[in-house]
């Protein structure tokens, strides 16, 4: 889990518009989508950047929820 948190910190979420904040719940990181209205191209770019940061990691599930939040779950 520490590796996943390190990768997330490297992404410097503060510079993002849509995905700026996260919380950790058990073995899952939830990246919270902003409630502000931004263009879909900005949201998509940030989503792709985040997915690229985690694509080389094994044993994780990267899921975009219906509300737009992102779950990154460590699985065994």
Protein backbone atom coordinates (compact mmCIF):
# COMPACT_ATOMS: atom_id res chain seq x y z
CA UNK A 1 0.00 0.00 0.00
CA UNK A 2 2.91 2.34 0.70
CA UNK A 3 4.06 1.96 -2.90
CA UNK A 4 0.63 2.97 -4.16
CA UNK A 5 0.56 6.00 -1.88
CA UNK A 6 4.04 6.99 -3.05
CA UNK A 7 2.95 6.76 -6.68
CA UNK A 8 -0.09 8.87 -5.90
CA UNK A 9 2.00 11.51 -4.14
CA UNK A 10 4.29 11.69 -7.19
CA UNK A 11 1.23 12.70 -9.26
CA UNK A 12 0.93 15.95 -7.27
CA UNK A 13 -2.86 15.98 -7.21
CA UNK A 14 -2.91 19.62 -6.11
CA UNK A 15 -2.19 20.68 -9.70
CA UNK A 16 -5.26 18.81 -10.97
CA UNK A 17 -8.65 20.44 -11.41
CA UNK A 18 -10.94 17.39 -11.26
CA UNK A 19 -9.00 14.88 -9.17
CA UNK A 20 -7.38 16.89 -6.37
CA UNK A 21 -8.06 14.95 -3.21
CA UNK A 22 -7.99 11.37 -1.95
CA UNK A 23 -8.69 9.27 1.11
CA UNK A 24 -7.51 5.84 2.22
CA UNK A 25 -10.06 3.26 3.35
CA UNK A 26 -8.56 -0.07 4.44
CA UNK A 27 -6.65 -1.38 1.39
CA UNK A 28 -8.25 1.07 -1.05
CA UNK A 29 -7.31 4.56 -2.16
CA UNK A 30 -10.29 6.63 -3.24
CA UNK A 31 -9.41 9.58 -5.46
CA UNK A 32 -12.31 11.97 -5.18
CA UNK A 33 -13.66 13.77 -8.22
CA UNK A 34 -14.41 17.45 -7.72
CA UNK A 35 -18.03 18.57 -7.72
CA UNK A 36 -17.05 21.57 -9.87
CA UNK A 37 -17.94 21.50 -13.55
CA UNK A 38 -14.90 21.08 -15.81
CA UNK A 39 -14.67 20.11 -19.44
CA UNK A 40 -14.63 16.41 -20.19
CA UNK A 41 -11.24 16.78 -21.88
CA UNK A 42 -9.66 17.99 -18.63
CA UNK A 43 -11.28 15.19 -16.67
CA UNK A 44 -10.22 12.60 -19.25
CA UNK A 45 -6.61 13.84 -19.31
CA UNK A 46 -6.34 13.65 -15.53
CA UNK A 47 -7.96 10.21 -15.50
CA UNK A 48 -5.54 8.92 -18.15
CA UNK A 49 -2.55 10.40 -16.31
CA UNK A 50 -3.59 8.68 -13.09
CA UNK A 51 -4.24 5.35 -14.79
CA UNK A 52 -0.84 5.52 -16.52
CA UNK A 53 0.87 6.08 -13.17
CA UNK A 54 -0.55 2.81 -11.83
CA UNK A 55 -0.54 0.62 -14.95
CA UNK A 56 2.75 -1.13 -14.16
CA UNK A 57 1.66 -2.15 -10.69
CA UNK A 58 0.55 -5.73 -10.21
CA UNK A 59 -2.26 -6.94 -7.97
CA UNK A 60 -4.30 -3.75 -8.08
CA UNK A 61 -7.78 -2.94 -9.34
CA UNK A 62 -8.16 0.51 -10.91
CA UNK A 63 -11.88 1.30 -11.12
CA UNK A 64 -13.80 4.45 -12.08
CA UNK A 65 -17.05 4.58 -10.14
CA UNK A 66 -20.38 5.90 -11.43
CA UNK A 67 -19.93 9.16 -9.53
CA UNK A 68 -16.54 9.69 -11.20
CA UNK A 69 -14.38 8.82 -8.16
CA UNK A 70 -11.47 6.43 -8.74
CA UNK A 71 -10.83 3.36 -6.58
CA UNK A 72 -7.36 1.87 -6.48
CA UNK A 73 -7.51 -1.34 -4.52
CA UNK A 74 -4.65 -3.61 -3.54
CA UNK A 75 -5.64 -7.22 -4.07
CA UNK A 76 -3.74 -10.34 -3.04
